[in-house]
C-alpha atoms as a PDB file:
ATOM      1  CA  MET A   1     -26.955 -25.608 -50.287  1.00  0.00           C
ATOM      2  CA  THR A   2     -24.525 -25.176 -47.207  1.00  0.00           C
ATOM      3  CA  ARG A   3     -20.940 -24.389 -47.884  1.00  0.00           C
ATOM      4  CA  SER A   4     -17.951 -26.499 -46.057  1.00  0.00           C
ATOM      5  CA  ILE A   5     -14.993 -25.689 -45.121  1.00  0.00           C
ATOM      6  CA  GLN A   6     -11.765 -26.633 -43.298  1.00  0.00           C
ATOM      7  CA  CYS A   7     -10.818 -25.971 -40.322  1.00  0.00           C
ATOM      8  CA  ASP A   8      -7.189 -24.565 -39.771  1.00  0.00           C
ATOM      9  CA  ASN A   9      -6.140 -26.164 -37.173  1.00  0.00           C
ATOM     10  CA  CYS A  10      -7.616 -29.674 -37.277  1.00  0.00           C
ATOM     11  CA  GLY A  11      -8.690 -29.632 -40.463  1.00  0.00           C
ATOM     12  CA  ALA A  12     -12.417 -30.800 -39.378  1.00  0.00           C
ATOM     13  CA  VAL A  13     -15.251 -29.644 -41.520  1.00  0.00           C
ATOM     14  CA  LEU A  14     -17.337 -26.882 -40.767  1.00  0.00           C
ATOM     15  CA  LEU A  15     -20.986 -25.947 -42.163  1.00  0.00           C
ATOM     16  CA  GLU A  16     -21.155 -22.241 -43.159  1.00  0.00           C
ATOM     17  CA  GLU A  17     -23.171 -21.497 -39.808  1.00  0.00           C
ATOM     18  CA  ASP A  18     -20.237 -22.679 -37.713  1.00  0.00           C
ATOM     19  CA  ILE A  19     -18.515 -19.533 -36.300  1.00  0.00           C
ATOM     20  CA  PHE A  20     -16.239 -22.105 -33.843  1.00  0.00           C
ATOM     21  CA  CYS A  21     -14.169 -25.770 -34.968  1.00  0.00           C
ATOM     22  CA  GLY A  22     -16.444 -28.190 -33.145  1.00  0.00           C
ATOM     23  CA  GLU A  23     -13.464 -30.301 -32.670  1.00  0.00           C
ATOM     24  CA  CYS A  24     -11.007 -27.754 -31.291  1.00  0.00           C
ATOM     25  CA  GLY A  25     -12.708 -24.861 -31.023  1.00  0.00           C
ATOM     26  CA  ALA A  26     -10.496 -22.639 -33.295  1.00  0.00           C
ATOM     27  CA  PRO A  27     -12.540 -19.803 -35.140  1.00  0.00           C
ATOM     28  CA  ARG A  28     -13.874 -19.630 -38.823  1.00  0.00           C
ATOM     29  CA  PRO A  29     -10.893 -19.152 -40.730  1.00  0.00           C
ATOM     30  CA  SER A  30     -13.428 -16.610 -42.953  1.00  0.00           C
ATOM     31  CA  VAL A  31     -14.089 -14.919 -39.551  1.00  0.00           C
ATOM     32  CA  ILE A  32     -10.386 -14.406 -38.752  1.00  0.00           C
ATOM     33  CA  ALA A  33     -10.579 -13.058 -42.682  1.00  0.00           C
ATOM     34  CA  SER A  34     -13.398 -10.623 -41.874  1.00  0.00           C
ATOM     35  CA  ALA A  35     -12.234  -9.297 -39.026  1.00  0.00           C
ATOM     36  CA  GLU A  36      -8.958  -8.273 -39.671  1.00  0.00           C
ATOM     37  CA  PRO A  37      -8.438  -5.812 -42.776  1.00  0.00           C
ATOM     38  CA  ILE A  38      -6.053  -7.572 -45.249  1.00  0.00           C
ATOM     39  CA  ASP A  39      -3.635  -4.478 -46.299  1.00  0.00           C
ATOM     40  CA  GLN A  40      -3.179  -3.994 -42.700  1.00  0.00           C
ATOM     41  CA  PRO A  41      -0.170  -5.613 -41.228  1.00  0.00           C
ATOM     42  CA  GLN A  42      -0.698  -7.201 -37.766  1.00  0.00           C
ATOM     43  CA  THR A  43       0.993  -6.162 -34.796  1.00  0.00           C
ATOM     44  CA  GLN A  44       1.325  -7.608 -31.226  1.00  0.00           C
ATOM     45  CA  VAL A  45       1.018  -5.549 -28.620  1.00  0.00           C
ATOM     46  CA  PRO A  46       3.147  -6.273 -25.478  1.00  0.00           C
ATOM     47  CA  ALA A  47       1.702  -7.935 -22.630  1.00  0.00           C
ATOM     48  CA  THR A  48       1.714  -4.984 -20.131  1.00  0.00           C
ATOM     49  CA  ALA A  49       1.636  -5.708 -16.272  1.00  0.00           C
ATOM     50  CA  PRO A  50      -1.489  -4.316 -14.178  1.00  0.00           C
ATOM     51  CA  PRO A  51      -1.406  -1.277 -12.260  1.00  0.00           C
ATOM     52  CA  VAL A  52       0.159  -1.587  -8.931  1.00  0.00           C
ATOM     53  CA  ARG A  53      -2.513  -0.933  -6.967  1.00  0.00           C
ATOM     54  CA  SER A  54      -2.064   0.382  -2.948  1.00  0.00           C
ATOM     55  CA  SER A  55      -3.825  -2.531  -0.852  1.00  0.00           C
ATOM     56  CA  ASP A  56      -5.795  -2.593   2.036  1.00  0.00           C
ATOM     57  CA  SER A  57      -3.270  -3.181   4.162  1.00  0.00           C
ATOM     58  CA  ASP A  58      -1.140  -0.589   3.382  1.00  0.00           C
ATOM     59  CA  THR A  59      -3.609   2.040   4.191  1.00  0.00           C
ATOM     60  CA  VAL A  60      -4.094  -0.024   7.504  1.00  0.00           C
ATOM     61  CA  TRP A  61       0.099   0.585   8.470  1.00  0.00           C
ATOM     62  CA  ARG A  62      -0.071   4.118   7.464  1.00  0.00           C
ATOM     63  CA  VAL A  63      -2.923   5.035   9.752  1.00  0.00           C
ATOM     64  CA  ILE A  64      -1.228   3.052  12.326  1.00  0.00           C
ATOM     65  CA  ALA A  65       2.484   4.721  11.328  1.00  0.00           C
ATOM     66  CA  ALA A  66       0.062   8.570  11.511  1.00  0.00           C
ATOM     67  CA  ILE A  67      -1.179   6.964  15.284  1.00  0.00           C
ATOM     68  CA  LEU A  68       1.799   6.436  17.025  1.00  0.00           C
ATOM     69  CA  GLY A  69       3.389   9.626  15.613  1.00  0.00           C
ATOM     70  CA  VAL A  70       0.864  12.089  16.801  1.00  0.00           C
ATOM     71  CA  VAL A  71       0.379   9.993  20.336  1.00  0.00           C
ATOM     72  CA  GLY A  72       4.609  10.437  20.646  1.00  0.00           C
ATOM     73  CA  ALA A  73       4.347  14.027  19.838  1.00  0.00           C
ATOM     74  CA  LEU A  74       1.602  14.190  22.557  1.00  0.00           C
ATOM     75  CA  LEU A  75       3.116  12.920  24.810  1.00  0.00           C
ATOM     76  CA  CYS A  76       6.432  14.234  24.303  1.00  0.00           C
ATOM     77  CA  LEU A  77       4.986  17.694  25.300  1.00  0.00           C
ATOM     78  CA  LEU A  78       2.998  17.148  27.615  1.00  0.00           C
ATOM     79  CA  GLY A  79       6.177  15.437  29.670  1.00  0.00           C
ATOM     80  CA  PHE A  80       7.875  19.009  28.956  1.00  0.00           C
ATOM     81  CA  ALA A  81       4.798  20.601  30.063  1.00  0.00           C
ATOM     82  CA  ALA A  82       5.268  18.501  33.373  1.00  0.00           C
ATOM     83  CA  PHE A  83       8.824  18.909  34.166  1.00  0.00           C
ATOM     84  CA  LEU A  84       9.068  22.851  33.654  1.00  0.00           C
ATOM     85  CA  LEU A  85       5.681  23.590  35.372  1.00  0.00           C
ATOM     86  CA  PHE A  86       6.990  21.374  38.304  1.00  0.00           C
ATOM     87  CA  GLY A  87      10.213  22.381  37.867  1.00  0.00           C
ATOM     88  CA  LEU A  88       9.522  26.340  38.259  1.00  0.00           C
ATOM     89  CA  ILE A  89       7.462  25.461  41.616  1.00  0.00           C
ATOM     90  CA  ASP A  90       8.851  26.421  44.925  1.00  0.00           C
ATOM     91  CA  SER A  91       8.644  23.243  47.608  1.00  0.00           C
ATOM     92  CA  GLU A  92       9.831  23.819  51.197  1.00  0.00           C
ATOM     93  CA  GLY A  93      12.684  21.836  51.856  1.00  0.00           C
ATOM     94  CA  VAL A  94      13.732  21.673  48.893  1.00  0.00           C
ATOM     95  CA  SER A  95      16.681  23.415  46.756  1.00  0.00           C
ATOM     96  CA  GLN A  96      15.446  24.197  43.194  1.00  0.00           C
ATOM     97  CA  ALA A  97      18.206  22.544  41.827  1.00  0.00           C
ATOM     98  CA  GLU A  98      17.011  19.201  43.739  1.00  0.00           C
ATOM     99  CA  ASN A  99      12.947  20.541  42.310  1.00  0.00           C
ATOM    100  CA  TRP A 100      14.386  20.472  38.580  1.00  0.00           C
ATOM    101  CA  LEU A 101      16.414  17.144  39.477  1.00  0.00           C
ATOM    102  CA  ILE A 102      13.071  14.991  40.886  1.00  0.00           C
ATOM    103  CA  SER A 103      10.486  17.156  38.066  1.00  0.00           C
ATOM    104  CA  THR A 104      13.241  15.753  35.130  1.00  0.00           C
ATOM    105  CA  ILE A 105      12.907  11.954  36.789  1.00  0.00           C
ATOM    106  CA  CYS A 106       9.151  12.391  38.049  1.00  0.00           C
ATOM    107  CA  CYS A 107       7.581  13.888  34.480  1.00  0.00           C
ATOM    108  CA  LEU A 108      10.256  14.771  31.712  1.00  0.00           C
ATOM    109  CA  LEU A 109      11.615  11.159  31.629  1.00  0.00           C
ATOM    110  CA  PRO A 110       8.846   8.782  31.745  1.00  0.00           C
ATOM    111  CA  ILE A 111       6.563  10.638  30.090  1.00  0.00           C
ATOM    112  CA  ALA A 112       8.360  12.334  27.508  1.00  0.00           C
ATOM    113  CA  GLY A 113      10.633   9.652  27.046  1.00  0.00           C
ATOM    114  CA  THR A 114       7.414   7.117  26.312  1.00  0.00           C
ATOM    115  CA  GLY A 115       6.403   9.379  23.684  1.00  0.00           C
ATOM    116  CA  ALA A 116       9.700   9.700  22.217  1.00  0.00           C
ATOM    117  CA  ALA A 117       9.862   5.798  21.863  1.00  0.00           C
ATOM    118  CA  ILE A 118       6.322   6.088  20.629  1.00  0.00           C
ATOM    119  CA  ALA A 119       7.286   8.182  18.237  1.00  0.00           C
ATOM    120  CA  LEU A 120       9.953   6.084  17.113  1.00  0.00           C
ATOM    121  CA  ALA A 121       7.903   3.074  17.157  1.00  0.00           C
ATOM    122  CA  GLY A 122       5.667   5.191  14.415  1.00  0.00           C
ATOM    123  CA  MET A 123       8.669   5.653  12.600  1.00  0.00           C
ATOM    124  CA  VAL A 124      10.373   2.299  12.220  1.00  0.00           C
ATOM    125  CA  VAL A 125       6.585   1.476  11.567  1.00  0.00           C
ATOM    126  CA  TRP A 126       6.679   3.768   8.452  1.00  0.00           C
ATOM    127  CA  TRP A 127      10.364   2.874   7.363  1.00  0.00           C
ATOM    128  CA  ALA A 128       9.486  -0.716   7.183  1.00  0.00           C
ATOM    129  CA  ARG A 129       6.229  -0.836   5.737  1.00  0.00           C
ATOM    130  CA  LEU A 130       6.159   1.921   3.337  1.00  0.00           C
ATOM    131  CA  ARG A 131       9.162   3.494   2.225  1.00  0.00           C
ATOM    132  CA  LYS A 132       9.647   2.196  -0.910  1.00  0.00           C
ATOM    133  CA  ARG A 133       6.187   3.100  -2.030  1.00  0.00           C
END
């Protein structure tokens, strides 16, 4: 013969083979009692936030910042090398001071200046997107 129990939540009649209440879905009282020891006090575990993971967009921004920094540094070096190379070459009809001035205007400012601007853009990307991580 089957024994019936009342649901603690809604008062519906539960059969012995029922694990959950058919009316409200609450677990059977005897299932809860057998799962938890009586002599140990119940402690609630506080809900914790899920761990913060670096998203794919952070990886993309890191790659962009690194590429901009490397390209900017290489252009700066190229600009300084061209400035020194063309500044040291003797030209006919141009004094040494004018030669340095021309190499500054033609090599150092456009090439190294562009490299510095690109490297600065990489630093801005890093600062704006990744500094708080």
